[in-house]
Amino acid sequence: MKIIITERQQSLITENLTEENLHKLCYQIWDKQRKMGDEPHLDDVIYDISGIQKNSRDDMTIIRPIWYGYSGGFNKLYDELKEDVLGKTFRVFVPEIDLDTRFRIIDIENTSMDGYKYNVADLLCDVDNQGTISFNMYDDETDEEIMVTDTIEQAYYEAMSSYETGDLTGALNYHIFNYLTKKLEKYGIPIDVELELKTFD
């Protein structure tokens, strides 16, 4: 569903957007999505109209609680999210860096984010260190850095020798976070990701 509004309409809506009106607006949008045969979701139009940036603190403390209320409560959504992914293995493939590996979600905790008044699903993942990734390594024969594609385990050892393990784990975290953000977007619960490198069975 695509709703288009003019700048003048946007200005009038924003000026009159009380908490109660925002609540009604969100419910109207989600009801319309349902009537049109779509699963209700956090449509960008809500953020466009409200002026609240998606994934900001205001989103987490204003828009998301309305979403949780509409969807049967935070606990219901959180339980559905856990049911969907806990204990399951997924594959992440990023051709730009030759990343091809599996990861398994071994634990999910409901944690408070930075002491704010909203909760986050904190996903602990084991990453298969026998997956592949491209990385720079030092070639003893030529005294130059060369790009190679090898196991994540080998990339980690190479990063350790250069004190750059944070770059590797940061890249893995970034791509797995993006994968899970898209997969779990329908629940509307913010996530965080923690990784451990493991050898899978």
C-alpha atoms as a PDB file:
ATOM      1  CA  MET A   1       0.000   0.000   0.000  1.00  0.00           C
ATOM      2  CA  LYS A   2       1.386   3.403  -1.013  1.00  0.00           C
ATOM      3  CA  ILE A   3      -0.056   6.618   0.418  1.00  0.00           C
ATOM      4  CA  ILE A   4       1.018   9.900  -1.177  1.00  0.00           C
ATOM      5  CA  ILE A   5       0.484  13.232   0.572  1.00  0.00           C
ATOM      6  CA  THR A   6       1.405  16.769  -0.424  1.00  0.00           C
ATOM      7  CA  GLU A   7       3.806  18.938   1.615  1.00  0.00           C
ATOM      8  CA  ARG A   8       0.865  21.135   2.716  1.00  0.00           C
ATOM      9  CA  GLN A   9      -1.095  18.088   3.907  1.00  0.00           C
ATOM     10  CA  GLN A  10       2.044  16.829   5.667  1.00  0.00           C
ATOM     11  CA  SER A  11       2.435  20.175   7.464  1.00  0.00           C
ATOM     12  CA  LEU A  12      -1.216  20.214   8.598  1.00  0.00           C
ATOM     13  CA  ILE A  13      -1.042  16.621   9.830  1.00  0.00           C
ATOM     14  CA  THR A  14       2.203  17.184  11.748  1.00  0.00           C
ATOM     15  CA  GLU A  15       0.851  20.336  13.451  1.00  0.00           C
ATOM     16  CA  ASN A  16      -2.218  18.456  14.721  1.00  0.00           C
ATOM     17  CA  LEU A  17      -0.506  15.166  15.550  1.00  0.00           C
ATOM     18  CA  THR A  18      -1.184  14.564  19.229  1.00  0.00           C
ATOM     19  CA  GLU A  19      -0.343  11.243  20.866  1.00  0.00           C
ATOM     20  CA  GLU A  20      -3.983  10.207  20.548  1.00  0.00           C
ATOM     21  CA  ASN A  21      -4.115  11.186  16.857  1.00  0.00           C
ATOM     22  CA  LEU A  22      -0.859   9.334  16.160  1.00  0.00           C
ATOM     23  CA  HIS A  23      -2.334   6.244  17.821  1.00  0.00           C
ATOM     24  CA  LYS A  24      -5.455   6.492  15.628  1.00  0.00           C
ATOM     25  CA  LEU A  25      -3.400   7.119  12.492  1.00  0.00           C
ATOM     26  CA  CYS A  26      -1.224   4.039  13.058  1.00  0.00           C
ATOM     27  CA  TYR A  27      -4.244   1.827  13.683  1.00  0.00           C
ATOM     28  CA  GLN A  28      -5.953   3.160  10.528  1.00  0.00           C
ATOM     29  CA  ILE A  29      -2.875   2.391   8.420  1.00  0.00           C
ATOM     30  CA  TRP A  30      -2.514  -1.132   9.844  1.00  0.00           C
ATOM     31  CA  ASP A  31      -6.255  -1.827   9.474  1.00  0.00           C
ATOM     32  CA  LYS A  32      -6.067  -0.678   5.840  1.00  0.00           C
ATOM     33  CA  GLN A  33      -3.057  -2.940   5.204  1.00  0.00           C
ATOM     34  CA  ARG A  34      -5.039  -5.869   6.602  1.00  0.00           C
ATOM     35  CA  LYS A  35      -8.133  -5.023   4.499  1.00  0.00           C
ATOM     36  CA  MET A  36      -5.964  -4.949   1.384  1.00  0.00           C
ATOM     37  CA  GLY A  37      -4.680  -8.457   2.198  1.00  0.00           C
ATOM     38  CA  ASP A  38      -1.256  -7.381   3.475  1.00  0.00           C
ATOM     39  CA  GLU A  39       0.297  -8.276   6.799  1.00  0.00           C
ATOM     40  CA  PRO A  40       0.268  -5.119   8.954  1.00  0.00           C
ATOM     41  CA  HIS A  41       3.770  -3.691   9.285  1.00  0.00           C
ATOM     42  CA  LEU A  42       5.655  -0.550  10.264  1.00  0.00           C
ATOM     43  CA  ASP A  43       5.068   1.290   6.994  1.00  0.00           C
ATOM     44  CA  ASP A  44       7.393   4.191   6.146  1.00  0.00           C
ATOM     45  CA  VAL A  45       4.349   6.452   5.765  1.00  0.00           C
ATOM     46  CA  ILE A  46       3.972   6.410   9.575  1.00  0.00           C
ATOM     47  CA  TYR A  47       7.457   7.880   9.930  1.00  0.00           C
ATOM     48  CA  ASP A  48       6.949  10.322   7.057  1.00  0.00           C
ATOM     49  CA  ILE A  49       3.740  11.689   8.572  1.00  0.00           C
ATOM     50  CA  SER A  50       4.905  11.759  12.200  1.00  0.00           C
ATOM     51  CA  GLY A  51       8.351  13.174  11.439  1.00  0.00           C
ATOM     52  CA  ILE A  52       9.830  10.495  13.702  1.00  0.00           C
ATOM     53  CA  GLN A  53      12.949   8.832  12.292  1.00  0.00           C
ATOM     54  CA  LYS A  54      12.757   5.058  11.980  1.00  0.00           C
ATOM     55  CA  ASN A  55      14.939   3.193  14.529  1.00  0.00           C
ATOM     56  CA  SER A  56      15.462   6.374  16.568  1.00  0.00           C
ATOM     57  CA  ARG A  57      14.848   6.589  20.307  1.00  0.00           C
ATOM     58  CA  ASP A  58      11.495   8.321  19.621  1.00  0.00           C
ATOM     59  CA  ASP A  59      10.542   5.440  17.334  1.00  0.00           C
ATOM     60  CA  MET A  60      11.323   2.926  20.079  1.00  0.00           C
ATOM     61  CA  THR A  61       9.471   4.847  22.790  1.00  0.00           C
ATOM     62  CA  ILE A  62       6.528   6.278  20.801  1.00  0.00           C
ATOM     63  CA  ILE A  63       5.777   4.307  17.593  1.00  0.00           C
ATOM     64  CA  ARG A  64       6.850   0.804  18.674  1.00  0.00           C
ATOM     65  CA  PRO A  65       4.647   0.706  21.816  1.00  0.00           C
ATOM     66  CA  ILE A  66       1.647   1.555  19.603  1.00  0.00           C
ATOM     67  CA  TRP A  67       2.706  -1.270  17.260  1.00  0.00           C
ATOM     68  CA  TYR A  68       3.055  -3.715  20.165  1.00  0.00           C
ATOM     69  CA  GLY A  69      -0.429  -2.791  21.391  1.00  0.00           C
ATOM     70  CA  TYR A  70      -1.909  -3.331  17.937  1.00  0.00           C
ATOM     71  CA  SER A  71      -0.122  -6.666  17.499  1.00  0.00           C
ATOM     72  CA  GLY A  72      -1.148  -8.255  20.807  1.00  0.00           C
ATOM     73  CA  GLY A  73       1.684  -7.035  23.013  1.00  0.00           C
ATOM     74  CA  PHE A  74       5.472  -7.082  23.084  1.00  0.00           C
ATOM     75  CA  ASN A  75       5.636 -10.506  24.778  1.00  0.00           C
ATOM     76  CA  LYS A  76       3.521 -12.118  22.044  1.00  0.00           C
ATOM     77  CA  LEU A  77       5.770 -10.702  19.294  1.00  0.00           C
ATOM     78  CA  TYR A  78       8.914 -11.608  21.226  1.00  0.00           C
ATOM     79  CA  ASP A  79       7.734 -15.220  21.656  1.00  0.00           C
ATOM     80  CA  GLU A  80       6.920 -15.434  17.930  1.00  0.00           C
ATOM     81  CA  LEU A  81      10.372 -14.076  17.038  1.00  0.00           C
ATOM     82  CA  LYS A  82      12.031 -16.680  19.301  1.00  0.00           C
ATOM     83  CA  GLU A  83       9.935 -19.458  17.798  1.00  0.00           C
ATOM     84  CA  ASP A  84      10.932 -18.312  14.313  1.00  0.00           C
ATOM     85  CA  VAL A  85      14.724 -18.369  14.742  1.00  0.00           C
ATOM     86  CA  LEU A  86      15.989 -19.839  18.026  1.00  0.00           C
ATOM     87  CA  GLY A  87      18.134 -22.931  17.424  1.00  0.00           C
ATOM     88  CA  LYS A  88      17.948 -22.557  13.650  1.00  0.00           C
ATOM     89  CA  THR A  89      20.811 -22.237  11.163  1.00  0.00           C
ATOM     90  CA  PHE A  90      20.921 -19.646   8.385  1.00  0.00           C
ATOM     91  CA  ARG A  91      23.295 -18.904   5.522  1.00  0.00           C
ATOM     92  CA  VAL A  92      24.677 -15.455   4.817  1.00  0.00           C
ATOM     93  CA  PHE A  93      26.204 -14.795   1.406  1.00  0.00           C
ATOM     94  CA  VAL A  94      27.830 -11.459   0.475  1.00  0.00           C
ATOM     95  CA  PRO A  95      29.562 -11.715  -2.923  1.00  0.00           C
ATOM     96  CA  GLU A  96      31.366  -8.354  -2.572  1.00  0.00           C
ATOM     97  CA  ILE A  97      33.641  -9.798   0.123  1.00  0.00           C
ATOM     98  CA  ASP A  98      33.283 -13.478  -0.815  1.00  0.00           C
ATOM     99  CA  LEU A  99      31.514 -14.077   2.493  1.00  0.00           C
ATOM    100  CA  ASP A 100      29.708 -17.399   2.491  1.00  0.00           C
ATOM    101  CA  THR A 101      29.000 -18.982   5.844  1.00  0.00           C
ATOM    102  CA  ARG A 102      26.344 -20.331   8.164  1.00  0.00           C
ATOM    103  CA  PHE A 103      25.311 -19.058  11.555  1.00  0.00           C
ATOM    104  CA  ARG A 104      23.116 -20.546  14.241  1.00  0.00           C
ATOM    105  CA  ILE A 105      21.082 -18.572  16.792  1.00  0.00           C
ATOM    106  CA  ILE A 106      21.837 -20.267  20.102  1.00  0.00           C
ATOM    107  CA  ASP A 107      20.210 -17.835  22.534  1.00  0.00           C
ATOM    108  CA  ILE A 108      17.876 -14.832  22.577  1.00  0.00           C
ATOM    109  CA  GLU A 109      17.521 -12.483  25.525  1.00  0.00           C
ATOM    110  CA  ASN A 110      15.128  -9.626  26.101  1.00  0.00           C
ATOM    111  CA  THR A 111      17.454  -6.843  27.261  1.00  0.00           C
ATOM    112  CA  SER A 112      17.027  -3.164  27.987  1.00  0.00           C
ATOM    113  CA  MET A 113      18.913  -0.969  25.521  1.00  0.00           C
ATOM    114  CA  ASP A 114      21.372   1.444  27.144  1.00  0.00           C
ATOM    115  CA  GLY A 115      19.050   2.021  30.083  1.00  0.00           C
ATOM    116  CA  TYR A 116      16.333   3.447  27.817  1.00  0.00           C
ATOM    117  CA  LYS A 117      12.700   2.560  28.287  1.00  0.00           C
ATOM    118  CA  TYR A 118      12.565   0.030  25.490  1.00  0.00           C
ATOM    119  CA  ASN A 119      13.614  -3.582  25.022  1.00  0.00           C
ATOM    120  CA  VAL A 120      15.793  -5.288  22.449  1.00  0.00           C
ATOM    121  CA  ALA A 121      15.960  -8.910  21.320  1.00  0.00           C
ATOM    122  CA  ASP A 122      19.647  -9.708  21.827  1.00  0.00           C
ATOM    123  CA  LEU A 123      20.581 -12.634  19.552  1.00  0.00           C
ATOM    124  CA  LEU A 124      23.668 -14.701  20.342  1.00  0.00           C
ATOM    125  CA  CYS A 125      24.948 -16.449  17.199  1.00  0.00           C
ATOM    126  CA  ASP A 126      27.576 -19.084  16.523  1.00  0.00           C
ATOM    127  CA  VAL A 127      29.263 -18.408  13.170  1.00  0.00           C
ATOM    128  CA  ASP A 128      30.807 -21.280  11.222  1.00  0.00           C
ATOM    129  CA  ASN A 129      34.497 -20.408  11.065  1.00  0.00           C
ATOM    130  CA  GLN A 130      34.938 -22.813   8.131  1.00  0.00           C
ATOM    131  CA  GLY A 131      32.891 -20.474   5.961  1.00  0.00           C
ATOM    132  CA  THR A 132      34.828 -18.288   3.523  1.00  0.00           C
ATOM    133  CA  ILE A 133      35.716 -14.595   3.299  1.00  0.00           C
ATOM    134  CA  SER A 134      38.192 -12.425   1.386  1.00  0.00           C
ATOM    135  CA  PHE A 135      40.911 -10.673   3.359  1.00  0.00           C
ATOM    136  CA  ASN A 136      44.364  -9.133   3.010  1.00  0.00           C
ATOM    137  CA  MET A 137      47.380 -11.115   4.110  1.00  0.00           C
ATOM    138  CA  TYR A 138      51.113 -10.579   4.005  1.00  0.00           C
ATOM    139  CA  ASP A 139      52.990 -12.581   1.366  1.00  0.00           C
ATOM    140  CA  ASP A 140      56.412 -13.597   2.718  1.00  0.00           C
ATOM    141  CA  GLU A 141      57.819 -14.171  -0.765  1.00  0.00           C
ATOM    142  CA  THR A 142      56.950 -10.774  -2.266  1.00  0.00           C
ATOM    143  CA  ASP A 143      56.827  -8.679   0.937  1.00  0.00           C
ATOM    144  CA  GLU A 144      53.454  -7.343  -0.206  1.00  0.00           C
ATOM    145  CA  GLU A 145      49.872  -7.583   0.940  1.00  0.00           C
ATOM    146  CA  ILE A 146      47.674  -9.764  -1.243  1.00  0.00           C
ATOM    147  CA  MET A 147      43.948 -10.419  -1.270  1.00  0.00           C
ATOM    148  CA  VAL A 148      42.973 -14.043  -0.669  1.00  0.00           C
ATOM    149  CA  THR A 149      39.765 -15.959  -0.071  1.00  0.00           C
ATOM    150  CA  ASP A 150      40.059 -18.517   2.695  1.00  0.00           C
ATOM    151  CA  THR A 151      38.229 -19.720   5.787  1.00  0.00           C
ATOM    152  CA  ILE A 152      36.969 -17.260   8.380  1.00  0.00           C
ATOM    153  CA  GLU A 153      39.191 -19.102  10.855  1.00  0.00           C
ATOM    154  CA  GLN A 154      42.266 -18.320   8.718  1.00  0.00           C
ATOM    155  CA  ALA A 155      41.117 -14.714   8.307  1.00  0.00           C
ATOM    156  CA  TYR A 156      40.810 -14.450  12.095  1.00  0.00           C
ATOM    157  CA  TYR A 157      44.362 -15.759  12.638  1.00  0.00           C
ATOM    158  CA  GLU A 158      45.644 -13.300  10.040  1.00  0.00           C
ATOM    159  CA  ALA A 159      43.729 -10.467  11.732  1.00  0.00           C
ATOM    160  CA  MET A 160      45.187 -11.491  15.116  1.00  0.00           C
ATOM    161  CA  SER A 161      48.707 -11.131  13.768  1.00  0.00           C
ATOM    162  CA  SER A 162      47.896  -7.543  12.765  1.00  0.00           C
ATOM    163  CA  TYR A 163      45.822  -6.753  15.886  1.00  0.00           C
ATOM    164  CA  GLU A 164      42.781  -6.216  13.657  1.00  0.00           C
ATOM    165  CA  THR A 165      40.340  -8.879  14.861  1.00  0.00           C
ATOM    166  CA  GLY A 166      37.774  -6.147  15.523  1.00  0.00           C
ATOM    167  CA  ASP A 167      37.644  -5.330  11.799  1.00  0.00           C
ATOM    168  CA  LEU A 168      36.828  -8.935  10.907  1.00  0.00           C
ATOM    169  CA  THR A 169      34.277  -9.540  13.656  1.00  0.00           C
ATOM    170  CA  GLY A 170      32.772  -6.109  12.973  1.00  0.00           C
ATOM    171  CA  ALA A 171      32.264  -6.994   9.297  1.00  0.00           C
ATOM    172  CA  LEU A 172      30.697 -10.360  10.178  1.00  0.00           C
ATOM    173  CA  ASN A 173      28.455  -8.712  12.757  1.00  0.00           C
ATOM    174  CA  TYR A 174      27.381  -6.033  10.268  1.00  0.00           C
ATOM    175  CA  HIS A 175      26.334  -8.513   7.564  1.00  0.00           C
ATOM    176  CA  ILE A 176      24.607 -10.935   9.940  1.00  0.00           C
ATOM    177  CA  PHE A 177      22.810  -8.021  11.634  1.00  0.00           C
ATOM    178  CA  ASN A 178      21.570  -6.798   8.224  1.00  0.00           C
ATOM    179  CA  TYR A 179      20.399 -10.294   7.303  1.00  0.00           C
ATOM    180  CA  LEU A 180      18.491 -10.709  10.567  1.00  0.00           C
ATOM    181  CA  THR A 181      17.078  -7.172  10.498  1.00  0.00           C
ATOM    182  CA  LYS A 182      15.397  -7.915   7.152  1.00  0.00           C
ATOM    183  CA  LYS A 183      14.242 -11.375   8.237  1.00  0.00           C
ATOM    184  CA  LEU A 184      12.778 -10.191  11.553  1.00  0.00           C
ATOM    185  CA  GLU A 185      11.439  -6.803  10.453  1.00  0.00           C
ATOM    186  CA  LYS A 186       7.836  -8.091  10.519  1.00  0.00           C
ATOM    187  CA  TYR A 187       7.967  -8.354  14.331  1.00  0.00           C
ATOM    188  CA  GLY A 188       8.915  -4.697  14.786  1.00  0.00           C
ATOM    189  CA  ILE A 189      11.259  -5.516  17.677  1.00  0.00           C
ATOM    190  CA  PRO A 190      14.712  -3.902  17.602  1.00  0.00           C
ATOM    191  CA  ILE A 191      17.543  -6.443  17.630  1.00  0.00           C
ATOM    192  CA  ASP A 192      21.183  -6.629  18.599  1.00  0.00           C
ATOM    193  CA  VAL A 193      23.620  -9.351  17.524  1.00  0.00           C
ATOM    194  CA  GLU A 194      26.573 -10.954  19.314  1.00  0.00           C
ATOM    195  CA  LEU A 195      28.810 -13.459  17.558  1.00  0.00           C
ATOM    196  CA  GLU A 196      31.133 -16.312  18.458  1.00  0.00           C
ATOM    197  CA  LEU A 197      33.245 -18.144  15.893  1.00  0.00           C
ATOM    198  CA  LYS A 198      32.784 -21.922  16.056  1.00  0.00           C
ATOM    199  CA  THR A 199      33.468 -25.027  14.017  1.00  0.00           C
ATOM    200  CA  PHE A 200      30.093 -26.443  13.015  1.00  0.00           C
ATOM    201  CA  ASP A 201      29.309 -30.166  12.993  1.00  0.00           C
END
